[in-house]
Amino acid sequence: MSNAVGSLRSQVALSPGSARIALVDIALIAVFVLVGELNHGISPVESPLRVLGTFAPFLIGWVVVSVLVGAYRLRAFRSAKAAASAAGATWISAALLGQLLRSTALFHGDLTLAFTIVSILVGLALLVPWRVLVAVRRG
């Protein structure tokens, strides 16, 4: 167990700053899902479990991939380029994992090329500028 904790600590900079970054990352992923659901006529107020069911695979994908690739390590923010690369690679992988999860019986939805492309592009448009801003401010 201590090896697993040690491995996790080496992949995540445990600090209040990292926690704030993670919260904004998750909020941006939630915005992506909410806007998509609203565009498809699904009300988060009337169908909160459906919206959560859409959000969950992308959240799981983000958490798993971000830990595996070290998206919260200090090196992920050492420059704007590093931040863009880390955020981009993390989101593309997380979105693909999220799409694969959606294609299982565990979640509603399915695996379609169109939504996979849209999810990757919209997520990149939300997450990459935010992560670059963090890197520039830490400068």
Protein backbone atom coordinates (compact mmCIF):
# COMPACT_ATOMS: atom_id res chain seq x y z
CA MET A 1 0.00 0.00 0.00
CA SER A 2 2.77 2.46 0.84
CA ASN A 3 4.30 1.86 -2.62
CA ALA A 4 1.01 2.86 -4.23
CA VAL A 5 0.82 6.01 -2.10
CA GLY A 6 4.44 6.82 -2.94
CA SER A 7 3.75 6.35 -6.64
CA LEU A 8 0.70 8.60 -6.41
CA ARG A 9 2.66 11.30 -4.61
CA SER A 10 5.31 11.22 -7.31
CA GLN A 11 2.63 11.87 -9.95
CA VAL A 12 0.68 14.61 -8.13
CA ALA A 13 2.00 17.75 -6.46
CA LEU A 14 -0.12 17.67 -3.30
CA SER A 15 -0.72 21.34 -2.53
CA PRO A 16 -3.58 23.80 -2.21
CA GLY A 17 -2.57 25.18 -5.62
CA SER A 18 -2.87 21.76 -7.24
CA ALA A 19 -6.25 21.24 -5.59
CA ARG A 20 -7.52 24.56 -6.97
CA ILE A 21 -6.24 23.69 -10.44
CA ALA A 22 -7.96 20.29 -10.25
CA LEU A 23 -11.23 21.89 -9.17
CA VAL A 24 -11.17 24.28 -12.13
CA ASP A 25 -10.25 21.42 -14.48
CA ILE A 26 -13.25 19.44 -13.23
CA ALA A 27 -15.50 22.50 -13.45
CA LEU A 28 -14.46 23.03 -17.09
CA ILE A 29 -15.22 19.40 -17.90
CA ALA A 30 -18.61 19.88 -16.22
CA VAL A 31 -19.21 22.99 -18.37
CA PHE A 32 -18.46 20.91 -21.48
CA VAL A 33 -21.02 18.30 -20.41
CA LEU A 34 -23.66 20.84 -19.33
CA VAL A 35 -23.46 22.82 -22.56
CA GLY A 36 -23.69 19.61 -24.56
CA GLU A 37 -26.70 18.38 -22.63
CA LEU A 38 -28.46 21.74 -22.96
CA ASN A 39 -27.75 21.77 -26.71
CA HIS A 40 -29.45 18.38 -26.92
CA GLY A 41 -32.51 19.60 -25.01
CA ILE A 42 -31.65 17.87 -21.75
CA SER A 43 -32.27 19.92 -18.63
CA PRO A 44 -29.83 19.36 -15.76
CA VAL A 45 -32.63 20.39 -13.38
CA GLU A 46 -35.15 17.91 -14.79
CA SER A 47 -32.64 15.12 -15.49
CA PRO A 48 -29.73 15.50 -13.05
CA LEU A 49 -28.91 11.79 -13.01
CA ARG A 50 -28.66 11.71 -16.79
CA VAL A 51 -26.29 14.68 -16.74
CA LEU A 52 -24.22 13.03 -14.01
CA GLY A 53 -24.21 9.86 -16.10
CA THR A 54 -22.78 11.83 -19.00
CA PHE A 55 -20.25 13.63 -16.80
CA ALA A 56 -19.01 10.55 -14.91
CA PRO A 57 -17.08 8.80 -17.74
CA PHE A 58 -15.23 12.00 -18.61
CA LEU A 59 -14.46 12.69 -14.96
CA ILE A 60 -13.19 9.14 -14.49
CA GLY A 61 -11.11 9.46 -17.65
CA TRP A 62 -9.61 12.77 -16.49
CA VAL A 63 -8.76 11.52 -13.00
CA VAL A 64 -7.20 8.28 -14.20
CA VAL A 65 -5.19 9.81 -17.03
CA SER A 66 -4.10 12.92 -15.12
CA VAL A 67 -2.63 10.78 -12.35
CA LEU A 68 -0.96 8.37 -14.77
CA VAL A 69 0.68 11.12 -16.84
CA GLY A 70 1.45 13.49 -13.99
CA ALA A 71 -0.79 16.35 -15.14
CA TYR A 72 -0.59 17.86 -11.64
CA ARG A 73 3.18 17.63 -11.27
CA LEU A 74 5.09 20.88 -11.15
CA ARG A 75 6.78 20.13 -14.48
CA ALA A 76 3.36 20.26 -16.16
CA PHE A 77 3.37 24.01 -15.46
CA ARG A 78 7.02 24.97 -15.99
CA SER A 79 6.15 26.82 -19.23
CA ALA A 80 3.16 27.66 -21.39
CA LYS A 81 4.27 24.99 -23.87
CA ALA A 82 4.58 22.35 -21.13
CA ALA A 83 1.15 23.28 -19.79
CA ALA A 84 -0.45 23.13 -23.25
CA SER A 85 1.20 19.78 -23.99
CA ALA A 86 0.27 18.26 -20.64
CA ALA A 87 -3.33 19.48 -20.77
CA GLY A 88 -3.75 18.48 -24.40
CA ALA A 89 -2.35 15.00 -24.03
CA THR A 90 -4.26 14.44 -20.80
CA TRP A 91 -7.58 15.58 -22.25
CA ILE A 92 -7.26 13.65 -25.51
CA SER A 93 -6.53 10.46 -23.59
CA ALA A 94 -9.19 11.19 -20.97
CA ALA A 95 -11.82 11.93 -23.62
CA LEU A 96 -11.00 8.68 -25.43
CA LEU A 97 -11.25 6.75 -22.16
CA GLY A 98 -14.51 8.55 -21.36
CA GLN A 99 -15.90 7.63 -24.77
CA LEU A 100 -14.91 4.00 -24.26
CA LEU A 101 -16.62 3.99 -20.87
CA ARG A 102 -19.76 5.46 -22.48
CA SER A 103 -19.81 2.51 -24.87
CA THR A 104 -20.17 0.06 -21.97
CA ALA A 105 -23.33 -0.97 -20.16
CA LEU A 106 -22.15 1.05 -17.14
CA PHE A 107 -23.08 4.40 -18.71
CA HIS A 108 -25.61 5.71 -21.20
CA GLY A 109 -24.35 6.78 -24.56
CA ASP A 110 -22.28 5.07 -27.15
CA LEU A 111 -19.05 5.43 -29.04
CA THR A 112 -19.47 7.64 -32.11
CA LEU A 113 -16.75 9.27 -34.14
CA ALA A 114 -18.56 12.62 -34.34
CA PHE A 115 -19.01 12.98 -30.58
CA THR A 116 -15.48 11.74 -29.95
CA ILE A 117 -14.09 14.49 -32.17
CA VAL A 118 -16.38 17.14 -30.68
CA SER A 119 -15.53 16.11 -27.12
CA ILE A 120 -11.81 16.26 -27.83
CA LEU A 121 -11.97 19.65 -29.56
CA VAL A 122 -14.27 21.32 -27.02
CA GLY A 123 -12.29 19.93 -24.09
CA LEU A 124 -9.05 21.18 -25.62
CA ALA A 125 -10.60 24.62 -26.16
CA LEU A 126 -11.58 24.78 -22.49
CA LEU A 127 -8.65 23.12 -20.72
CA VAL A 128 -5.57 24.16 -22.70
CA PRO A 129 -5.99 27.97 -22.37
CA TRP A 130 -6.74 27.59 -18.67
CA ARG A 131 -3.63 25.49 -18.05
CA VAL A 132 -1.48 27.89 -20.12
CA LEU A 133 -2.81 30.80 -18.04
CA VAL A 134 -1.82 28.97 -14.85
CA ALA A 135 1.69 28.34 -16.19
CA VAL A 136 2.14 31.96 -17.31
CA ARG A 137 0.93 33.29 -13.95
CA ARG A 138 3.30 30.95 -12.10
CA GLY A 139 6.02 32.08 -14.55
